[in-house]
Amino acid sequence: MKYNKLGKTDIEISEIGFGAWAIALDWWGKKIEEDEAKRMLKKAYDVGINFFETGDLYGKGLSEKLIGEVFKDMRDEIVISTKYGYDFSGVEQIGHKELPQRFDEDYTRMALRNSLERLQTDHLDMYGVHNPKLKDVRNDSIFNLLDSFIEEGSIKTYQVALGPAIGWTQEGLEAMDKPNLSAVQTVYNILEQTPGNELMKKAVEKDVGILVRVPEASGILTGKVNADTKFDDNDHRSVRKREWLKESLEKVEQFRPIAERNGLNITEFAMKFMMTKKGFATVLPTMISEEEVVNYAEMSDGKYISDSDMKEVEELYNTWPSYELKATPQTN
């Protein structure tokens, strides 16, 4: 396992991180029982993964609770990142409709306190603002409060996680201007490089790490999804349109020769493409079994894609049609 510096901090995180949403939600075609989730977390640590990225929303605290139980006696050996901003108290978490958001001081202090308790720790390596809109990114009081948490030692640094869908370009670009922000999390993969490429460019300038999620393009790059695949309504990928699946599979075939000349399958090539990018900090594949944890970890071996092959992928990407990006609605 290789490790990268997390933005402007001195924290070292594994190139492959453990995105811990799937162990608490059945949004990827599988319900993971708690015992299996704990085995997956332990296996991740055993194969060199030290970065565990979660959020209080995932299973209404269940994901945090599982991480806390597994690593309660190993706090200094792992890097914990969690997020807040959705007020899930008193609401039922059904489907993918966004819940009410709160970033005010009282709620933020309560959310941090609860996360620390569930994670069984007195500090977080990184705290995250979960899917903020532009008005939130421009709200200095939110980040002044996070700065105060750094000063008091309850967090070491913070991130902004963009979403829920792909886009939120301006939100990400402006967030990087925050002096103590060390990471931006975004949907980014070889098929969906916008806005990731633009965000990555500024990340290099600002010494911010990009946390890559959905690197497998909702399963397209794993070989487990084809044009006939049907997702259950509660599966996070059910929002993907049938024509998107078909077009994406056709795109995969265009860069397959580049992968094969590198001796890599499509999944390996797509992951290494991300890890070759400047500004990259860690990639967070969706993992739903111990076997997948091991397989993804093995892809971090210090071997990257050549400049010429990266350029060829870029040229291919530039021939593809653009797609819709989400952004904060503008009222003026």
Protein backbone atom coordinates (compact mmCIF):
# COMPACT_ATOMS: atom_id res chain seq x y z
CA MET A 1 0.00 0.00 0.00
CA LYS A 2 1.26 3.45 -0.94
CA TYR A 3 0.44 6.57 1.07
CA ASN A 4 -0.09 10.25 0.21
CA LYS A 5 0.04 13.44 2.23
CA LEU A 6 -3.47 14.71 2.96
CA GLY A 7 -3.47 18.18 1.45
CA LYS A 8 -1.66 20.79 3.52
CA THR A 9 -1.52 18.56 6.62
CA ASP A 10 1.21 16.18 7.74
CA ILE A 11 -1.30 13.30 7.79
CA GLU A 12 -0.40 10.33 5.60
CA ILE A 13 -3.35 8.41 4.12
CA SER A 14 -3.51 5.24 2.06
CA GLU A 15 -4.03 5.57 -1.70
CA ILE A 16 -7.01 3.27 -1.30
CA GLY A 17 -9.38 4.46 1.40
CA PHE A 18 -12.34 2.74 3.00
CA GLY A 19 -15.55 4.57 2.13
CA ALA A 20 -17.75 3.32 4.94
CA TRP A 21 -21.23 4.20 3.67
CA ALA A 22 -21.96 0.78 2.17
CA ILE A 23 -21.49 -1.06 5.48
CA ALA A 24 -24.44 0.84 6.95
CA LEU A 25 -26.85 1.15 4.00
CA ASP A 26 -28.16 -1.40 1.48
CA TRP A 27 -27.71 1.03 -1.39
CA TRP A 28 -25.34 -1.09 -3.46
CA GLY A 29 -27.39 -4.21 -3.98
CA LYS A 30 -26.34 -5.89 -0.74
CA LYS A 31 -27.21 -5.59 2.93
CA ILE A 32 -23.99 -6.05 4.92
CA GLU A 33 -24.55 -7.50 8.36
CA GLU A 34 -22.64 -5.95 11.27
CA ASP A 35 -20.32 -8.93 11.78
CA GLU A 36 -19.29 -8.88 8.14
CA ALA A 37 -18.86 -5.11 8.24
CA LYS A 38 -16.47 -5.45 11.16
CA ARG A 39 -14.51 -8.16 9.35
CA MET A 40 -14.23 -5.88 6.32
CA LEU A 41 -12.91 -3.03 8.45
CA LYS A 42 -10.33 -5.29 10.08
CA LYS A 43 -9.31 -6.74 6.73
CA ALA A 44 -8.86 -3.21 5.35
CA TYR A 45 -6.46 -2.39 8.14
CA ASP A 46 -4.61 -5.69 7.65
CA VAL A 47 -3.95 -4.92 3.97
CA GLY A 48 -2.62 -1.42 4.68
CA ILE A 49 -5.70 0.81 4.43
CA ASN A 50 -5.47 3.44 7.17
CA PHE A 51 -8.02 6.00 5.93
CA PHE A 52 -11.64 5.43 6.93
CA GLU A 53 -14.13 7.93 5.50
CA THR A 54 -17.68 7.97 6.79
CA GLY A 55 -20.54 10.30 7.73
CA ASP A 56 -23.03 10.56 10.55
CA LEU A 57 -25.89 10.15 8.04
CA TYR A 58 -24.84 6.63 7.03
CA GLY A 59 -27.24 4.34 8.82
CA LYS A 60 -27.98 7.20 11.22
CA GLY A 61 -24.65 6.75 12.96
CA LEU A 62 -24.25 3.00 12.39
CA SER A 63 -21.20 3.34 10.14
CA GLU A 64 -19.44 5.52 12.74
CA LYS A 65 -20.42 3.11 15.51
CA LEU A 66 -18.92 0.13 13.68
CA ILE A 67 -15.64 1.95 13.06
CA GLY A 68 -15.54 3.00 16.71
CA GLU A 69 -16.06 -0.55 17.93
CA VAL A 70 -13.43 -2.08 15.63
CA PHE A 71 -10.69 0.50 16.18
CA LYS A 72 -11.34 1.76 19.72
CA ASP A 73 -7.93 0.51 20.92
CA MET A 74 -6.06 1.47 17.74
CA ARG A 75 -6.84 5.17 17.48
CA ASP A 76 -3.33 6.31 16.60
CA GLU A 77 -3.00 3.68 13.87
CA ILE A 78 -5.81 4.89 11.65
CA VAL A 79 -7.06 8.13 10.11
CA ILE A 80 -10.75 8.84 10.72
CA SER A 81 -12.80 11.23 8.59
CA THR A 82 -16.51 11.80 9.08
CA LYS A 83 -19.04 14.35 7.85
CA TYR A 84 -22.09 16.22 9.12
CA GLY A 85 -24.82 18.50 7.85
CA TYR A 86 -27.96 16.40 7.44
CA ASP A 87 -30.48 16.57 10.26
CA PHE A 88 -31.69 12.97 10.26
CA SER A 89 -33.39 13.14 13.66
CA GLY A 90 -37.07 12.33 13.45
CA VAL A 91 -37.04 11.44 9.75
CA GLU A 92 -37.07 8.10 8.02
CA GLN A 93 -34.15 7.47 5.67
CA ILE A 94 -35.88 6.12 2.58
CA GLY A 95 -34.44 6.20 -0.91
CA HIS A 96 -32.10 8.96 -2.01
CA LYS A 97 -34.08 12.11 -1.40
CA GLU A 98 -31.95 14.64 0.45
CA LEU A 99 -32.84 15.25 4.07
CA PRO A 100 -32.94 18.70 5.73
CA GLN A 101 -29.51 20.29 6.12
CA ARG A 102 -28.19 22.23 9.10
CA PHE A 103 -24.81 23.88 9.54
CA ASP A 104 -25.61 26.31 12.38
CA GLU A 105 -23.32 26.40 15.42
CA ASP A 106 -25.58 24.57 17.85
CA TYR A 107 -26.25 21.76 15.42
CA THR A 108 -22.61 21.51 14.38
CA ARG A 109 -21.41 21.24 17.98
CA MET A 110 -24.02 18.57 18.70
CA ALA A 111 -23.16 16.64 15.53
CA LEU A 112 -19.45 16.65 16.34
CA ARG A 113 -20.09 15.57 19.92
CA ASN A 114 -22.28 12.68 18.77
CA SER A 115 -19.80 11.55 16.12
CA LEU A 116 -16.94 11.54 18.62
CA GLU A 117 -19.03 9.45 20.97
CA ARG A 118 -20.00 6.90 18.33
CA LEU A 119 -16.44 6.69 17.05
CA GLN A 120 -15.15 6.28 20.62
CA THR A 121 -12.49 8.96 20.23
CA ASP A 122 -11.71 12.43 21.53
CA HIS A 123 -10.68 13.83 18.15
CA LEU A 124 -11.19 13.46 14.42
CA ASP A 125 -8.38 13.56 11.90
CA MET A 126 -10.76 15.23 9.47
CA TYR A 127 -14.29 16.59 9.75
CA GLY A 128 -16.41 17.22 6.68
CA VAL A 129 -19.19 19.52 5.56
CA HIS A 130 -21.56 17.11 3.81
CA ASN A 131 -22.88 18.28 0.44
CA PRO A 132 -22.99 22.05 1.14
CA LYS A 133 -24.60 24.40 -1.33
CA LEU A 134 -22.94 27.62 -2.48
CA LYS A 135 -24.49 29.74 0.27
CA ASP A 136 -22.99 27.36 2.82
CA VAL A 137 -19.53 27.44 1.24
CA ARG A 138 -19.73 31.25 1.37
CA ASN A 139 -20.87 31.25 4.99
CA ASP A 140 -17.72 32.15 6.92
CA SER A 141 -19.32 31.30 10.27
CA ILE A 142 -19.34 27.60 9.36
CA PHE A 143 -15.64 27.53 8.65
CA ASN A 144 -14.72 29.85 11.52
CA LEU A 145 -16.34 27.31 13.82
CA LEU A 146 -14.41 24.47 12.20
CA ASP A 147 -11.23 26.54 12.63
CA SER A 148 -12.03 26.81 16.34
CA PHE A 149 -12.37 23.02 16.54
CA ILE A 150 -8.85 22.75 15.12
CA GLU A 151 -7.55 25.19 17.72
CA GLU A 152 -9.13 23.25 20.57
CA GLY A 153 -7.88 19.90 19.21
CA SER A 154 -11.18 18.14 18.54
CA ILE A 155 -10.38 17.95 14.81
CA LYS A 156 -7.11 18.21 12.90
CA THR A 157 -8.47 19.49 9.60
CA TYR A 158 -11.63 19.57 7.52
CA GLN A 159 -13.01 18.82 4.07
CA VAL A 160 -15.97 19.70 1.88
CA ALA A 161 -17.77 16.73 0.32
CA LEU A 162 -19.52 17.74 -2.91
CA GLY A 163 -22.76 16.13 -3.93
CA PRO A 164 -24.88 14.22 -3.83
CA ALA A 165 -24.73 13.94 -7.63
CA ILE A 166 -21.82 14.80 -9.88
CA GLY A 167 -21.02 18.48 -10.33
CA TRP A 168 -21.02 21.33 -7.79
CA THR A 169 -17.97 22.83 -9.51
CA GLN A 170 -18.16 26.36 -8.13
CA GLU A 171 -18.85 25.02 -4.65
CA GLY A 172 -15.65 22.97 -4.80
CA LEU A 173 -13.50 25.72 -6.29
CA GLU A 174 -14.55 28.28 -3.69
CA ALA A 175 -14.17 25.82 -0.82
CA MET A 176 -10.50 25.39 -1.70
CA ASP A 177 -9.90 29.02 -0.79
CA LYS A 178 -10.55 28.23 2.89
CA PRO A 179 -7.13 28.41 4.59
CA ASN A 180 -7.52 25.33 6.78
CA LEU A 181 -9.42 23.14 4.33
CA SER A 182 -7.27 20.16 3.31
CA ALA A 183 -9.55 18.08 1.09
CA VAL A 184 -12.45 18.15 -1.34
CA GLN A 185 -14.42 14.99 -2.04
CA THR A 186 -16.05 14.53 -5.43
CA VAL A 187 -17.46 12.00 -7.89
CA TYR A 188 -14.59 11.36 -10.29
CA ASN A 189 -13.75 8.47 -12.59
CA ILE A 190 -12.27 7.78 -16.00
CA LEU A 191 -15.72 8.09 -17.61
CA GLU A 192 -16.77 11.18 -15.64
CA GLN A 193 -13.78 13.48 -15.41
CA THR A 194 -15.81 16.68 -15.26
CA PRO A 195 -15.62 18.60 -12.94
CA GLY A 196 -12.86 16.46 -11.40
CA ASN A 197 -10.17 17.63 -13.80
CA GLU A 198 -10.88 21.29 -13.02
CA LEU A 199 -11.05 20.65 -9.29
CA MET A 200 -7.81 18.65 -9.40
CA LYS A 201 -6.00 21.53 -11.11
CA LYS A 202 -6.91 24.00 -8.38
CA ALA A 203 -6.23 21.38 -5.71
CA VAL A 204 -2.60 21.26 -6.81
CA GLU A 205 -2.36 25.06 -6.61
CA LYS A 206 -3.97 25.21 -3.15
CA ASP A 207 -2.32 22.08 -1.68
CA VAL A 208 -5.70 20.42 -1.23
CA GLY A 209 -6.18 16.67 -1.57
CA ILE A 210 -8.93 15.32 -3.80
CA LEU A 211 -10.87 12.40 -2.31
CA VAL A 212 -12.27 10.40 -5.20
CA ARG A 213 -15.60 8.66 -4.80
CA VAL A 214 -17.57 6.56 -7.30
CA PRO A 215 -14.30 5.64 -9.06
CA GLU A 216 -15.99 2.57 -10.52
CA ALA A 217 -18.68 4.69 -12.26
CA SER A 218 -21.56 3.01 -10.45
CA GLY A 219 -20.19 -0.44 -11.27
CA ILE A 220 -19.57 0.07 -14.99
CA LEU A 221 -15.81 -0.23 -14.45
CA THR A 222 -16.05 -3.39 -12.33
CA GLY A 223 -17.25 -5.67 -15.12
CA LYS A 224 -20.27 -6.61 -12.99
CA VAL A 225 -22.71 -4.29 -14.76
CA ASN A 226 -23.95 -4.64 -18.33
CA ALA A 227 -26.62 -3.04 -20.51
CA ASP A 228 -29.23 -5.46 -19.18
CA THR A 229 -28.46 -4.93 -15.49
CA LYS A 230 -31.47 -3.85 -13.47
CA PHE A 231 -31.01 -2.15 -10.10
CA ASP A 232 -33.48 -2.40 -7.23
CA ASP A 233 -35.28 0.81 -6.39
CA ASN A 234 -33.27 1.22 -3.18
CA ASP A 235 -29.97 0.68 -4.99
CA HIS A 236 -28.02 3.95 -5.22
CA ARG A 237 -27.42 3.25 -8.92
CA SER A 238 -31.10 3.06 -9.83
CA VAL A 239 -30.99 6.75 -10.78
CA ARG A 240 -28.66 5.91 -13.66
CA LYS A 241 -30.55 5.88 -16.94
CA ARG A 242 -30.48 2.84 -19.23
CA GLU A 243 -28.99 4.85 -22.08
CA TRP A 244 -26.19 6.03 -19.74
CA LEU A 245 -25.31 2.40 -19.03
CA LYS A 246 -25.19 1.57 -22.73
CA GLU A 247 -23.10 4.61 -23.67
CA SER A 248 -20.71 4.06 -20.77
CA LEU A 249 -20.07 0.45 -21.75
CA GLU A 250 -19.26 1.61 -25.28
CA LYS A 251 -16.77 4.14 -23.87
CA VAL A 252 -15.08 1.42 -21.83
CA GLU A 253 -14.32 -0.48 -25.02
CA GLN A 254 -12.52 2.56 -26.41
CA PHE A 255 -9.85 2.54 -23.71
CA ARG A 256 -9.69 -1.22 -23.23
CA PRO A 257 -6.67 -1.52 -25.61
CA ILE A 258 -4.75 0.97 -23.44
CA ALA A 259 -5.54 -1.06 -20.32
CA GLU A 260 -4.50 -4.30 -21.97
CA ARG A 261 -1.19 -2.92 -23.19
CA ASN A 262 -0.50 -2.07 -19.54
CA GLY A 263 -1.39 -5.61 -18.50
CA LEU A 264 -4.39 -4.37 -16.53
CA ASN A 265 -8.07 -5.21 -16.45
CA ILE A 266 -10.58 -2.37 -16.75
CA THR A 267 -11.04 -1.94 -13.00
CA GLU A 268 -7.30 -1.84 -12.34
CA PHE A 269 -6.72 0.61 -15.17
CA ALA A 270 -9.51 2.92 -14.03
CA MET A 271 -8.19 2.93 -10.47
CA LYS A 272 -4.60 3.54 -11.53
CA PHE A 273 -5.76 6.34 -13.80
CA MET A 274 -7.09 8.09 -10.71
CA MET A 275 -3.97 7.37 -8.66
CA THR A 276 -1.74 8.80 -11.41
CA LYS A 277 -3.43 12.20 -11.26
CA LYS A 278 -1.65 15.11 -9.58
CA GLY A 279 -3.71 16.45 -6.70
CA PHE A 280 -5.08 13.02 -5.89
CA ALA A 281 -5.10 12.02 -2.21
CA THR A 282 -7.11 8.80 -1.98
CA VAL A 283 -9.68 6.83 -3.92
CA LEU A 284 -12.75 5.44 -2.19
CA PRO A 285 -14.13 2.46 -4.11
CA THR A 286 -17.43 0.99 -2.99
CA MET A 287 -16.50 -2.29 -1.31
CA ILE A 288 -19.08 -4.81 -0.12
CA SER A 289 -16.97 -7.86 0.78
CA GLU A 290 -13.61 -8.79 2.28
CA GLU A 291 -12.55 -10.08 -1.13
CA GLU A 292 -13.18 -6.70 -2.71
CA VAL A 293 -11.23 -4.98 0.06
CA VAL A 294 -8.20 -7.15 -0.72
CA ASN A 295 -8.56 -6.77 -4.49
CA TYR A 296 -8.72 -3.00 -4.38
CA ALA A 297 -5.87 -2.73 -1.88
CA GLU A 298 -3.62 -4.73 -4.19
CA MET A 299 -4.06 -2.07 -6.88
CA SER A 300 -1.96 0.35 -4.83
CA ASP A 301 1.45 -1.04 -5.79
CA GLY A 302 3.40 2.04 -6.84
CA LYS A 303 2.92 1.40 -10.57
CA TYR A 304 1.21 4.21 -12.45
CA ILE A 305 0.08 5.07 -15.97
CA SER A 306 2.60 6.63 -18.37
CA ASP A 307 2.22 10.22 -19.53
CA SER A 308 1.57 9.07 -23.11
CA ASP A 309 -1.22 6.71 -22.06
CA MET A 310 -2.74 9.36 -19.79
CA LYS A 311 -2.72 11.75 -22.76
CA GLU A 312 -4.42 9.15 -24.94
CA VAL A 313 -7.20 8.74 -22.37
CA GLU A 314 -7.54 12.53 -22.20
CA GLU A 315 -7.90 12.75 -25.96
CA LEU A 316 -10.53 10.03 -25.95
CA TYR A 317 -12.44 11.75 -23.16
CA ASN A 318 -12.45 15.03 -25.07
CA THR A 319 -14.29 13.36 -27.98
CA TRP A 320 -17.21 12.33 -25.76
CA PRO A 321 -20.30 14.53 -25.35
CA SER A 322 -20.65 16.59 -22.19
CA TYR A 323 -23.17 15.70 -19.51
CA GLU A 324 -25.30 17.57 -17.02
CA LEU A 325 -23.59 18.83 -13.87
CA LYS A 326 -25.43 19.68 -10.67
CA ALA A 327 -24.97 23.08 -9.06
CA THR A 328 -26.60 25.35 -6.53
CA PRO A 329 -29.60 26.99 -8.26
CA GLN A 330 -28.92 30.66 -8.91
CA THR A 331 -31.71 33.10 -8.12
CA ASN A 332 -30.13 36.20 -9.59
